Amino acid sequence: MVDQREFLIKLLSKKVKKYPRFSKEDIEKFCWMAVHEHKHGVLPSEYDIREIDEDLYLELLQELKSNI
């Protein structure tokens, strides 16, 4: 059985890959955007400094780097 965290990582991973202009070179930015959107319900603005779940960000980044 897949736990909720693993399911969330897979869900966000798919979402990141569907972002317009997604690129491997900017993978950190796109992971940050996905985690920000997950936590706050909206994509970040240009100078958005609201906090994100750092652990979730790192897990998502690791997932994407290992599968791209």
PDB file of N, CA and C in Angstrom:
ATOM      1  N   MET A   1       0.843  -1.185   0.000  1.00  0.00           N
ATOM      2  CA  MET A   1       0.000   0.000   0.000  1.00  0.00           C
ATOM      3  C   MET A   1       0.892   1.254   0.000  1.00  0.00           C
ATOM      4  N   VAL A   2       0.548   2.202  -0.825  1.00  0.00           N
ATOM      5  CA  VAL A   2       1.310   3.440  -0.946  1.00  0.00           C
ATOM      6  C   VAL A   2       0.856   4.406   0.154  1.00  0.00           C
ATOM      7  N   ASP A   3       1.834   4.978   0.883  1.00  0.00           N
ATOM      8  CA  ASP A   3       1.443   5.920   1.927  1.00  0.00           C
ATOM      9  C   ASP A   3       1.126   7.291   1.318  1.00  0.00           C
ATOM     10  N   GLN A   4       0.527   8.144   2.108  1.00  0.00           N
ATOM     11  CA  GLN A   4       0.069   9.451   1.608  1.00  0.00           C
ATOM     12  C   GLN A   4       1.210  10.326   1.117  1.00  0.00           C
ATOM     13  N   ARG A   5       2.332  10.305   1.807  1.00  0.00           N
ATOM     14  CA  ARG A   5       3.468  11.149   1.421  1.00  0.00           C
ATOM     15  C   ARG A   5       4.007  10.718   0.058  1.00  0.00           C
ATOM     16  N   GLU A   6       4.158   9.416  -0.118  1.00  0.00           N
ATOM     17  CA  GLU A   6       4.644   8.897  -1.395  1.00  0.00           C
ATOM     18  C   GLU A   6       3.668   9.229  -2.521  1.00  0.00           C
ATOM     19  N   PHE A   7       2.379   9.121  -2.248  1.00  0.00           N
ATOM     20  CA  PHE A   7       1.362   9.475  -3.233  1.00  0.00           C
ATOM     21  C   PHE A   7       1.456  10.954  -3.599  1.00  0.00           C
ATOM     22  N   LEU A   8       1.639  11.804  -2.594  1.00  0.00           N
ATOM     23  CA  LEU A   8       1.763  13.245  -2.829  1.00  0.00           C
ATOM     24  C   LEU A   8       2.988  13.551  -3.681  1.00  0.00           C
ATOM     25  N   ILE A   9       4.100  12.914  -3.396  1.00  0.00           N
ATOM     26  CA  ILE A   9       5.323  13.124  -4.171  1.00  0.00           C
ATOM     27  C   ILE A   9       5.092  12.737  -5.631  1.00  0.00           C
ATOM     28  N   LYS A  10       4.464  11.604  -5.863  1.00  0.00           N
ATOM     29  CA  LYS A  10       4.179  11.161  -7.240  1.00  0.00           C
ATOM     30  C   LYS A  10       3.240  12.141  -7.933  1.00  0.00           C
ATOM     31  N   LEU A  11       2.228  12.609  -7.231  1.00  0.00           N
ATOM     32  CA  LEU A  11       1.264  13.562  -7.782  1.00  0.00           C
ATOM     33  C   LEU A  11       1.951  14.880  -8.154  1.00  0.00           C
ATOM     34  N   LEU A  12       2.760  15.406  -7.251  1.00  0.00           N
ATOM     35  CA  LEU A  12       3.463  16.659  -7.522  1.00  0.00           C
ATOM     36  C   LEU A  12       4.499  16.487  -8.631  1.00  0.00           C
ATOM     37  N   SER A  13       5.112  15.326  -8.691  1.00  0.00           N
ATOM     38  CA  SER A  13       6.093  15.045  -9.743  1.00  0.00           C
ATOM     39  C   SER A  13       5.448  15.128 -11.124  1.00  0.00           C
ATOM     40  N   LYS A  14       4.279  14.542 -11.250  1.00  0.00           N
ATOM     41  CA  LYS A  14       3.546  14.608 -12.527  1.00  0.00           C
ATOM     42  C   LYS A  14       3.157  16.047 -12.848  1.00  0.00           C
ATOM     43  N   LYS A  15       2.745  16.780 -11.805  1.00  0.00           N
ATOM     44  CA  LYS A  15       2.338  18.174 -11.993  1.00  0.00           C
ATOM     45  C   LYS A  15       3.513  19.016 -12.487  1.00  0.00           C
ATOM     46  N   VAL A  16       4.690  18.823 -11.895  1.00  0.00           N
ATOM     47  CA  VAL A  16       5.875  19.588 -12.285  1.00  0.00           C
ATOM     48  C   VAL A  16       6.179  19.386 -13.765  1.00  0.00           C
ATOM     49  N   LYS A  17       6.118  18.166 -14.212  1.00  0.00           N
ATOM     50  CA  LYS A  17       6.448  17.848 -15.605  1.00  0.00           C
ATOM     51  C   LYS A  17       5.470  18.473 -16.592  1.00  0.00           C
ATOM     52  N   LYS A  18       4.288  18.839 -16.109  1.00  0.00           N
ATOM     53  CA  LYS A  18       3.271  19.433 -16.985  1.00  0.00           C
ATOM     54  C   LYS A  18       3.297  20.966 -16.984  1.00  0.00           C
ATOM     55  N   TYR A  19       4.126  21.557 -16.136  1.00  0.00           N
ATOM     56  CA  TYR A  19       4.215  23.022 -16.127  1.00  0.00           C
ATOM     57  C   TYR A  19       4.720  23.520 -17.485  1.00  0.00           C
ATOM     58  N   PRO A  20       4.154  24.633 -17.958  1.00  0.00           N
ATOM     59  CA  PRO A  20       4.663  25.212 -19.209  1.00  0.00           C
ATOM     60  C   PRO A  20       6.146  25.555 -19.069  1.00  0.00           C
ATOM     61  N   ARG A  21       6.894  25.274 -20.084  1.00  0.00           N
ATOM     62  CA  ARG A  21       8.331  25.572 -20.147  1.00  0.00           C
ATOM     63  C   ARG A  21       9.155  24.810 -19.108  1.00  0.00           C
ATOM     64  N   PHE A  22       8.636  23.661 -18.650  1.00  0.00           N
ATOM     65  CA  PHE A  22       9.411  22.833 -17.718  1.00  0.00           C
ATOM     66  C   PHE A  22      10.721  22.432 -18.377  1.00  0.00           C
ATOM     67  N   SER A  23      11.804  22.516 -17.629  1.00  0.00           N
ATOM     68  CA  SER A  23      13.105  22.081 -18.136  1.00  0.00           C
ATOM     69  C   SER A  23      13.916  21.469 -17.003  1.00  0.00           C
ATOM     70  N   LYS A  24      14.759  20.519 -17.357  1.00  0.00           N
ATOM     71  CA  LYS A  24      15.632  19.876 -16.371  1.00  0.00           C
ATOM     72  C   LYS A  24      16.606  20.881 -15.771  1.00  0.00           C
ATOM     73  N   GLU A  25      16.987  21.866 -16.540  1.00  0.00           N
ATOM     74  CA  GLU A  25      17.945  22.861 -16.064  1.00  0.00           C
ATOM     75  C   GLU A  25      17.379  23.706 -14.916  1.00  0.00           C
ATOM     76  N   ASP A  26      16.070  23.866 -14.879  1.00  0.00           N
ATOM     77  CA  ASP A  26      15.420  24.663 -13.830  1.00  0.00           C
ATOM     78  C   ASP A  26      14.592  23.802 -12.890  1.00  0.00           C
ATOM     79  N   ILE A  27      15.007  22.572 -12.691  1.00  0.00           N
ATOM     80  CA  ILE A  27      14.202  21.634 -11.907  1.00  0.00           C
ATOM     81  C   ILE A  27      13.959  22.120 -10.478  1.00  0.00           C
ATOM     82  N   GLU A  28      14.936  22.792  -9.879  1.00  0.00           N
ATOM     83  CA  GLU A  28      14.769  23.309  -8.517  1.00  0.00           C
ATOM     84  C   GLU A  28      13.642  24.335  -8.463  1.00  0.00           C
ATOM     85  N   LYS A  29      13.617  25.228  -9.441  1.00  0.00           N
ATOM     86  CA  LYS A  29      12.575  26.261  -9.496  1.00  0.00           C
ATOM     87  C   LYS A  29      11.189  25.628  -9.637  1.00  0.00           C
ATOM     88  N   PHE A  30      11.070  24.656 -10.519  1.00  0.00           N
ATOM     89  CA  PHE A  30       9.763  24.043 -10.751  1.00  0.00           C
ATOM     90  C   PHE A  30       9.296  23.227  -9.554  1.00  0.00           C
ATOM     91  N   CYS A  31      10.216  22.579  -8.853  1.00  0.00           N
ATOM     92  CA  CYS A  31       9.843  21.865  -7.626  1.00  0.00           C
ATOM     93  C   CYS A  31       9.355  22.857  -6.572  1.00  0.00           C
ATOM     94  N   TRP A  32      10.066  23.967  -6.443  1.00  0.00           N
ATOM     95  CA  TRP A  32       9.662  24.998  -5.488  1.00  0.00           C
ATOM     96  C   TRP A  32       8.266  25.521  -5.827  1.00  0.00           C
ATOM     97  N   MET A  33       8.024  25.745  -7.113  1.00  0.00           N
ATOM     98  CA  MET A  33       6.715  26.241  -7.538  1.00  0.00           C
ATOM     99  C   MET A  33       5.608  25.254  -7.171  1.00  0.00           C
ATOM    100  N   ALA A  34       5.837  23.970  -7.405  1.00  0.00           N
ATOM    101  CA  ALA A  34       4.823  22.945  -7.120  1.00  0.00           C
ATOM    102  C   ALA A  34       4.535  22.848  -5.629  1.00  0.00           C
ATOM    103  N   VAL A  35       5.577  22.873  -4.813  1.00  0.00           N
ATOM    104  CA  VAL A  35       5.384  22.789  -3.364  1.00  0.00           C
ATOM    105  C   VAL A  35       4.695  24.054  -2.847  1.00  0.00           C
ATOM    106  N   HIS A  36       5.058  25.196  -3.397  1.00  0.00           N
ATOM    107  CA  HIS A  36       4.395  26.456  -3.031  1.00  0.00           C
ATOM    108  C   HIS A  36       2.913  26.394  -3.381  1.00  0.00           C
ATOM    109  N   GLU A  37       2.616  25.949  -4.583  1.00  0.00           N
ATOM    110  CA  GLU A  37       1.209  25.853  -5.007  1.00  0.00           C
ATOM    111  C   GLU A  37       0.446  24.868  -4.127  1.00  0.00           C
ATOM    112  N   HIS A  38       1.078  23.765  -3.772  1.00  0.00           N
ATOM    113  CA  HIS A  38       0.426  22.773  -2.906  1.00  0.00           C
ATOM    114  C   HIS A  38       0.100  23.372  -1.542  1.00  0.00           C
ATOM    115  N   LYS A  39       1.048  24.106  -0.970  1.00  0.00           N
ATOM    116  CA  LYS A  39       0.845  24.656   0.374  1.00  0.00           C
ATOM    117  C   LYS A  39      -0.092  25.856   0.400  1.00  0.00           C
ATOM    118  N   HIS A  40       0.041  26.759  -0.574  1.00  0.00           N
ATOM    119  CA  HIS A  40      -0.696  28.026  -0.527  1.00  0.00           C
ATOM    120  C   HIS A  40      -1.885  28.094  -1.495  1.00  0.00           C
ATOM    121  N   GLY A  41      -2.007  27.109  -2.381  1.00  0.00           N
ATOM    122  CA  GLY A  41      -3.158  27.063  -3.278  1.00  0.00           C
ATOM    123  C   GLY A  41      -3.005  27.889  -4.549  1.00  0.00           C
ATOM    124  N   VAL A  42      -1.884  28.582  -4.685  1.00  0.00           N
ATOM    125  CA  VAL A  42      -1.629  29.396  -5.875  1.00  0.00           C
ATOM    126  C   VAL A  42      -0.145  29.302  -6.236  1.00  0.00           C
ATOM    127  N   LEU A  43       0.140  29.525  -7.509  1.00  0.00           N
ATOM    128  CA  LEU A  43       1.534  29.597  -7.917  1.00  0.00           C
ATOM    129  C   LEU A  43       2.165  30.842  -7.314  1.00  0.00           C
ATOM    130  N   PRO A  44       3.457  30.805  -7.059  1.00  0.00           N
ATOM    131  CA  PRO A  44       4.107  31.969  -6.454  1.00  0.00           C
ATOM    132  C   PRO A  44       4.201  33.139  -7.421  1.00  0.00           C
ATOM    133  N   SER A  45       4.157  34.335  -6.857  1.00  0.00           N
ATOM    134  CA  SER A  45       4.415  35.518  -7.657  1.00  0.00           C
ATOM    135  C   SER A  45       5.929  35.682  -7.766  1.00  0.00           C
ATOM    136  N   GLU A  46       6.374  36.647  -8.530  1.00  0.00           N
ATOM    137  CA  GLU A  46       7.797  36.799  -8.809  1.00  0.00           C
ATOM    138  C   GLU A  46       8.657  36.914  -7.544  1.00  0.00           C
ATOM    139  N   TYR A  47       8.212  37.661  -6.559  1.00  0.00           N
ATOM    140  CA  TYR A  47       9.010  37.866  -5.356  1.00  0.00           C
ATOM    141  C   TYR A  47       8.339  37.282  -4.113  1.00  0.00           C
ATOM    142  N   ASP A  48       7.634  36.189  -4.289  1.00  0.00           N
ATOM    143  CA  ASP A  48       6.910  35.545  -3.196  1.00  0.00           C
ATOM    144  C   ASP A  48       7.899  34.938  -2.206  1.00  0.00           C
ATOM    145  N   ILE A  49       7.777  35.295  -0.944  1.00  0.00           N
ATOM    146  CA  ILE A  49       8.702  34.781   0.071  1.00  0.00           C
ATOM    147  C   ILE A  49       7.989  33.935   1.126  1.00  0.00           C
ATOM    148  N   ARG A  50       6.766  33.527   0.838  1.00  0.00           N
ATOM    149  CA  ARG A  50       6.061  32.680   1.805  1.00  0.00           C
ATOM    150  C   ARG A  50       6.800  31.356   1.966  1.00  0.00           C
ATOM    151  N   GLU A  51       6.721  30.808   3.161  1.00  0.00           N
ATOM    152  CA  GLU A  51       7.416  29.567   3.461  1.00  0.00           C
ATOM    153  C   GLU A  51       6.780  28.382   2.731  1.00  0.00           C
ATOM    154  N   ILE A  52       7.623  27.385   2.466  1.00  0.00           N
ATOM    155  CA  ILE A  52       7.149  26.126   1.910  1.00  0.00           C
ATOM    156  C   ILE A  52       7.616  25.005   2.827  1.00  0.00           C
ATOM    157  N   ASP A  53       7.130  23.806   2.582  1.00  0.00           N
ATOM    158  CA  ASP A  53       7.565  22.617   3.312  1.00  0.00           C
ATOM    159  C   ASP A  53       8.894  22.172   2.705  1.00  0.00           C
ATOM    160  N   GLU A  54       9.980  22.500   3.382  1.00  0.00           N
ATOM    161  CA  GLU A  54      11.325  22.225   2.864  1.00  0.00           C
ATOM    162  C   GLU A  54      11.566  20.727   2.659  1.00  0.00           C
ATOM    163  N   ASP A  55      11.073  19.906   3.567  1.00  0.00           N
ATOM    164  CA  ASP A  55      11.250  18.455   3.428  1.00  0.00           C
ATOM    165  C   ASP A  55      10.525  17.934   2.195  1.00  0.00           C
ATOM    166  N   LEU A  56       9.314  18.427   1.974  1.00  0.00           N
ATOM    167  CA  LEU A  56       8.554  18.030   0.798  1.00  0.00           C
ATOM    168  C   LEU A  56       9.278  18.467  -0.473  1.00  0.00           C
ATOM    169  N   TYR A  57       9.809  19.673  -0.469  1.00  0.00           N
ATOM    170  CA  TYR A  57      10.572  20.177  -1.604  1.00  0.00           C
ATOM    171  C   TYR A  57      11.754  19.263  -1.919  1.00  0.00           C
ATOM    172  N   LEU A  58      12.521  18.900  -0.901  1.00  0.00           N
ATOM    173  CA  LEU A  58      13.701  18.060  -1.103  1.00  0.00           C
ATOM    174  C   LEU A  58      13.328  16.657  -1.585  1.00  0.00           C
ATOM    175  N   GLU A  59      12.249  16.108  -1.043  1.00  0.00           N
ATOM    176  CA  GLU A  59      11.781  14.796  -1.486  1.00  0.00           C
ATOM    177  C   GLU A  59      11.339  14.841  -2.947  1.00  0.00           C
ATOM    178  N   LEU A  60      10.619  15.884  -3.313  1.00  0.00           N
ATOM    179  CA  LEU A  60      10.158  16.042  -4.687  1.00  0.00           C
ATOM    180  C   LEU A  60      11.340  16.223  -5.628  1.00  0.00           C
ATOM    181  N   LEU A  61      12.294  17.020  -5.244  1.00  0.00           N
ATOM    182  CA  LEU A  61      13.486  17.244  -6.043  1.00  0.00           C
ATOM    183  C   LEU A  61      14.248  15.934  -6.264  1.00  0.00           C
ATOM    184  N   GLN A  62      14.402  15.167  -5.221  1.00  0.00           N
ATOM    185  CA  GLN A  62      15.086  13.879  -5.326  1.00  0.00           C
ATOM    186  C   GLN A  62      14.320  12.932  -6.256  1.00  0.00           C
ATOM    187  N   GLU A  63      13.006  12.904  -6.119  1.00  0.00           N
ATOM    188  CA  GLU A  63      12.170  12.050  -6.975  1.00  0.00           C
ATOM    189  C   GLU A  63      12.337  12.413  -8.444  1.00  0.00           C
ATOM    190  N   LEU A  64      12.280  13.690  -8.739  1.00  0.00           N
ATOM    191  CA  LEU A  64      12.400  14.117 -10.130  1.00  0.00           C
ATOM    192  C   LEU A  64      13.798  13.887 -10.692  1.00  0.00           C
ATOM    193  N   LYS A  65      14.804  14.169  -9.900  1.00  0.00           N
ATOM    194  CA  LYS A  65      16.181  13.955 -10.386  1.00  0.00           C
ATOM    195  C   LYS A  65      16.467  12.489 -10.663  1.00  0.00           C
ATOM    196  N   SER A  66      15.862  11.619  -9.903  1.00  0.00           N
ATOM    197  CA  SER A  66      16.114  10.184 -10.094  1.00  0.00           C
ATOM    198  C   SER A  66      15.273   9.587 -11.229  1.00  0.00           C
ATOM    199  N   ASN A  67      14.260  10.315 -11.694  1.00  0.00           N
ATOM    200  CA  ASN A  67      13.371   9.788 -12.737  1.00  0.00           C
ATOM    201  C   ASN A  67      13.411  10.575 -14.029  1.00  0.00           C
ATOM    202  N   ILE A  68      14.350  11.464 -14.170  1.00  0.00           N
ATOM    203  CA  ILE A  68      14.447  12.228 -15.434  1.00  0.00           C
ATOM    204  C   ILE A  68      15.763  11.926 -16.082  1.00  0.00           C
TER     205      ILE A  68
END
